[in-house]
Protein backbone atom coordinates (compact mmCIF):
# COMPACT_ATOMS: atom_id res chain seq x y z
CA MET A 1 -67.85 -42.23 61.23
CA ARG A 2 -68.23 -46.00 61.41
CA GLN A 3 -70.47 -47.49 58.75
CA SER A 4 -73.14 -49.73 60.25
CA LEU A 5 -73.25 -53.42 59.52
CA LEU A 6 -76.70 -53.00 58.04
CA VAL A 7 -75.33 -50.71 55.33
CA ALA A 8 -72.42 -53.09 54.71
CA ALA A 9 -74.79 -56.05 54.50
CA VAL A 10 -77.01 -54.27 51.99
CA PHE A 11 -73.89 -53.52 49.94
CA CYS A 12 -72.83 -57.18 50.11
CA ILE A 13 -76.29 -58.29 49.05
CA ALA A 14 -76.26 -55.91 46.08
CA ALA A 15 -72.62 -56.41 45.10
CA VAL A 16 -72.42 -60.19 45.05
CA PRO A 17 -74.65 -62.90 43.67
CA LEU A 18 -77.60 -63.52 45.97
CA CYS A 19 -76.88 -67.17 46.32
CA SER A 20 -73.60 -68.34 47.79
CA THR A 21 -73.18 -71.92 48.89
CA HIS A 22 -76.96 -72.27 48.77
CA VAL A 23 -77.69 -69.36 51.17
CA GLU A 24 -79.80 -66.40 50.12
CA TRP A 25 -78.15 -63.38 51.74
CA ASP A 26 -81.40 -61.49 52.40
CA ASP A 27 -82.77 -64.55 54.25
CA PHE A 28 -79.47 -64.79 56.09
CA MET A 29 -79.74 -61.18 57.29
CA ARG A 30 -83.33 -61.76 58.45
CA CYS A 31 -82.11 -64.78 60.41
CA LEU A 32 -79.50 -62.63 62.17
CA GLN A 33 -82.05 -59.89 62.86
CA ARG A 34 -84.48 -62.40 64.38
CA ARG A 35 -81.73 -63.65 66.66
CA PHE A 36 -80.32 -60.29 67.74
CA GLY A 37 -82.80 -57.56 66.81
CA ARG A 38 -81.96 -54.33 65.01
CA SER A 39 -79.79 -52.92 67.82
CA PHE A 40 -77.28 -55.67 67.11
CA PHE A 41 -76.14 -53.85 63.99
CA GLN A 42 -74.96 -50.86 66.04
CA GLU A 43 -72.78 -52.77 68.53
CA GLU A 44 -69.07 -52.25 67.87
CA HIS A 45 -67.78 -55.77 68.62
CA ALA A 46 -70.76 -57.47 67.00
CA ASP A 47 -70.27 -55.24 63.96
CA CYS A 48 -66.56 -56.11 63.78
CA ALA A 49 -67.19 -59.85 64.06
CA ALA A 50 -69.95 -59.78 61.45
CA ARG A 51 -67.73 -57.85 59.03
CA LYS A 52 -64.91 -60.40 59.40
CA LEU A 53 -67.33 -63.24 58.71
CA PHE A 54 -68.98 -61.49 55.74
CA VAL A 55 -65.61 -60.68 54.14
CA ASN A 56 -64.43 -64.27 54.36
CA TYR A 57 -67.73 -65.73 53.16
CA ARG A 58 -67.68 -63.29 50.25
CA ARG A 59 -64.11 -64.33 49.38
CA SER A 60 -65.18 -67.98 49.33
CA MET A 61 -67.63 -67.19 46.53
CA TYR A 62 -64.75 -66.14 44.28
CA CYS A 63 -62.28 -68.82 45.26
CA GLU A 64 -63.39 -72.29 44.26
CA TYR A 65 -62.58 -75.20 46.61
CA CYS A 66 -61.54 -72.89 49.46
CA ASP A 67 -64.76 -72.78 51.48
CA ALA A 68 -63.24 -74.62 54.44
CA PHE A 69 -60.38 -72.13 54.74
CA PHE A 70 -62.64 -69.07 54.52
CA HIS A 71 -65.17 -70.41 57.02
CA CYS A 72 -62.35 -71.21 59.44
CA GLN A 73 -60.55 -67.90 58.87
CA GLY A 74 -63.75 -65.86 59.21
CA ASN A 75 -64.46 -67.44 62.59
CA TYR A 76 -60.85 -66.98 63.69
CA GLU A 77 -60.86 -63.29 62.74
CA ALA A 78 -64.29 -62.71 64.31
CA ILE A 79 -62.98 -63.85 67.69
CA TYR A 80 -59.29 -62.91 67.70
CA GLU A 81 -59.46 -59.58 65.85
CA CYS A 82 -62.64 -58.26 67.51
CA GLN A 83 -61.72 -57.93 71.19
CA ARG A 84 -62.25 -61.62 71.98
CA ASP A 85 -65.45 -60.74 73.83
CA GLY A 86 -68.58 -62.80 74.32
CA ARG A 87 -70.54 -60.79 71.77
CA ALA A 88 -68.07 -61.66 68.99
CA GLN A 89 -68.44 -65.32 69.98
CA GLU A 90 -72.24 -65.00 69.81
CA VAL A 91 -72.05 -63.46 66.34
CA ALA A 92 -69.75 -66.20 65.03
CA GLU A 93 -72.07 -68.88 66.42
CA ALA A 94 -75.13 -67.10 64.99
CA PHE A 95 -73.56 -67.04 61.51
CA SER A 96 -73.00 -70.79 61.73
CA ASP A 97 -76.51 -71.42 63.07
CA CYS A 98 -78.19 -69.24 60.43
CA ARG A 99 -76.19 -70.86 57.63
CA GLU A 100 -77.11 -74.32 58.92
CA HIS A 101 -80.79 -73.38 59.29
CA LEU A 102 -80.98 -71.94 55.76
CA GLU A 103 -79.04 -74.75 54.08
CA GLY A 104 -80.87 -77.47 55.97
CA ALA A 105 -79.38 -80.09 58.23
CA GLY A 106 -76.95 -82.51 56.70
CA SER A 107 -73.46 -83.94 56.85
CA ASP A 108 -71.95 -80.85 55.17
CA ASN A 109 -73.20 -78.70 58.03
CA LEU A 110 -71.59 -81.01 60.60
CA VAL A 111 -68.29 -80.62 58.77
CA TYR A 112 -68.66 -76.84 58.54
CA ASN A 113 -69.57 -76.65 62.23
CA GLU A 114 -66.29 -78.41 63.05
CA ILE A 115 -64.40 -76.06 60.72
CA ASP A 116 -66.06 -72.98 62.26
CA LEU A 117 -65.30 -74.21 65.78
CA PHE A 118 -61.66 -74.87 64.83
CA GLY A 119 -61.33 -71.23 63.77
CA ARG A 120 -63.13 -69.91 66.87
CA LYS A 121 -60.76 -71.91 69.08
CA GLY A 122 -57.74 -70.27 67.42
CA GLY A 123 -56.74 -73.07 65.06
CA ASN A 124 -54.29 -72.42 62.25
CA CYS A 125 -56.67 -72.22 59.29
CA SER A 126 -53.89 -71.91 56.71
CA ARG A 127 -52.12 -75.02 57.89
CA ALA A 128 -55.34 -77.02 58.20
CA TYR A 129 -57.16 -75.94 55.03
CA LEU A 130 -54.70 -74.37 52.60
CA SER A 131 -51.56 -76.49 52.99
CA ASN A 132 -53.49 -79.75 52.78
CA SER A 133 -55.88 -78.82 49.98
CA PRO A 134 -54.74 -79.79 46.49
CA HIS A 135 -57.58 -77.81 44.85
CA CYS A 136 -57.63 -74.57 46.87
CA HIS A 137 -55.18 -72.09 45.37
CA TYR A 138 -55.56 -69.04 47.61
CA ASN A 139 -52.70 -66.89 48.86
CA PRO A 140 -53.78 -64.81 51.90
CA ALA A 141 -50.74 -62.52 51.62
CA THR A 142 -51.67 -61.37 48.11
CA VAL A 143 -55.44 -62.06 48.21
CA VAL A 144 -55.00 -64.00 44.96
CA CYS A 145 -56.95 -67.12 44.07
CA ASN A 146 -56.22 -69.11 40.93
CA ASN A 147 -54.05 -66.28 39.56
CA THR A 148 -56.83 -63.69 40.06
CA ARG A 149 -56.83 -61.00 42.71
CA ILE A 150 -60.22 -61.37 44.37
CA GLU A 151 -59.99 -58.01 46.18
CA GLU A 152 -57.45 -55.53 47.38
CA PRO A 153 -55.62 -56.51 50.57
CA ASP A 154 -56.96 -54.62 53.60
CA ILE A 155 -53.99 -52.56 54.75
CA SER A 156 -55.99 -49.56 55.97
CA SER A 157 -57.37 -51.13 59.14
CA SER A 158 -55.09 -50.45 62.06
CA SER A 159 -57.09 -52.68 64.42
CA SER A 160 -56.71 -55.83 62.38
CA SER A 161 -53.66 -57.58 61.06
CA SER A 162 -53.31 -59.03 57.60
CA SER A 163 -54.30 -62.62 57.01
CA SER A 164 -50.68 -63.69 56.74
CA ALA A 165 -49.86 -62.11 60.10
CA ALA A 166 -52.93 -63.70 61.65
CA ASP A 167 -51.90 -67.06 60.21
CA SER A 168 -48.49 -66.85 61.85
CA GLU A 169 -50.11 -66.10 65.23
CA GLN A 170 -52.58 -68.97 65.09
CA ASP A 171 -51.81 -72.09 67.05
CA ASP A 172 -52.93 -75.58 66.21
CA VAL A 173 -55.87 -76.72 68.26
């Protein structure tokens, strides 16, 4: 039985620090609920897209200087690993909008919006944000950042490919 996004979100809120990149996760979830309503959490493609985004945002908390890669990769996975439907696109855009709303407008948000859009358009996040970043030391194939495994690689999901496989499929935009 598929675990709902609401349960996963509650787990994320409890399992990680409440403040990541200046966003309070409980406020973030309320923002998503206001935009979509409670039924949103039961939709398969919306659930898939939200999970991809949450996983990558969570990884960014444990991997210093890699925010750009994880924001890009989360948006890429939300679209290209979740049936490429309009609902996945809506979810990815809502995550960006809620983050921007909660962090406040500013130049950082303009940069992150460009990064998010690059991922949603199928851009190669590894080439753009890992290869050219002297401070980000993340290896998607091993899920290791700065010599520390930040979580176990997800090999159980048959519907999604590993980050390294996704990276090889991405085209430059």
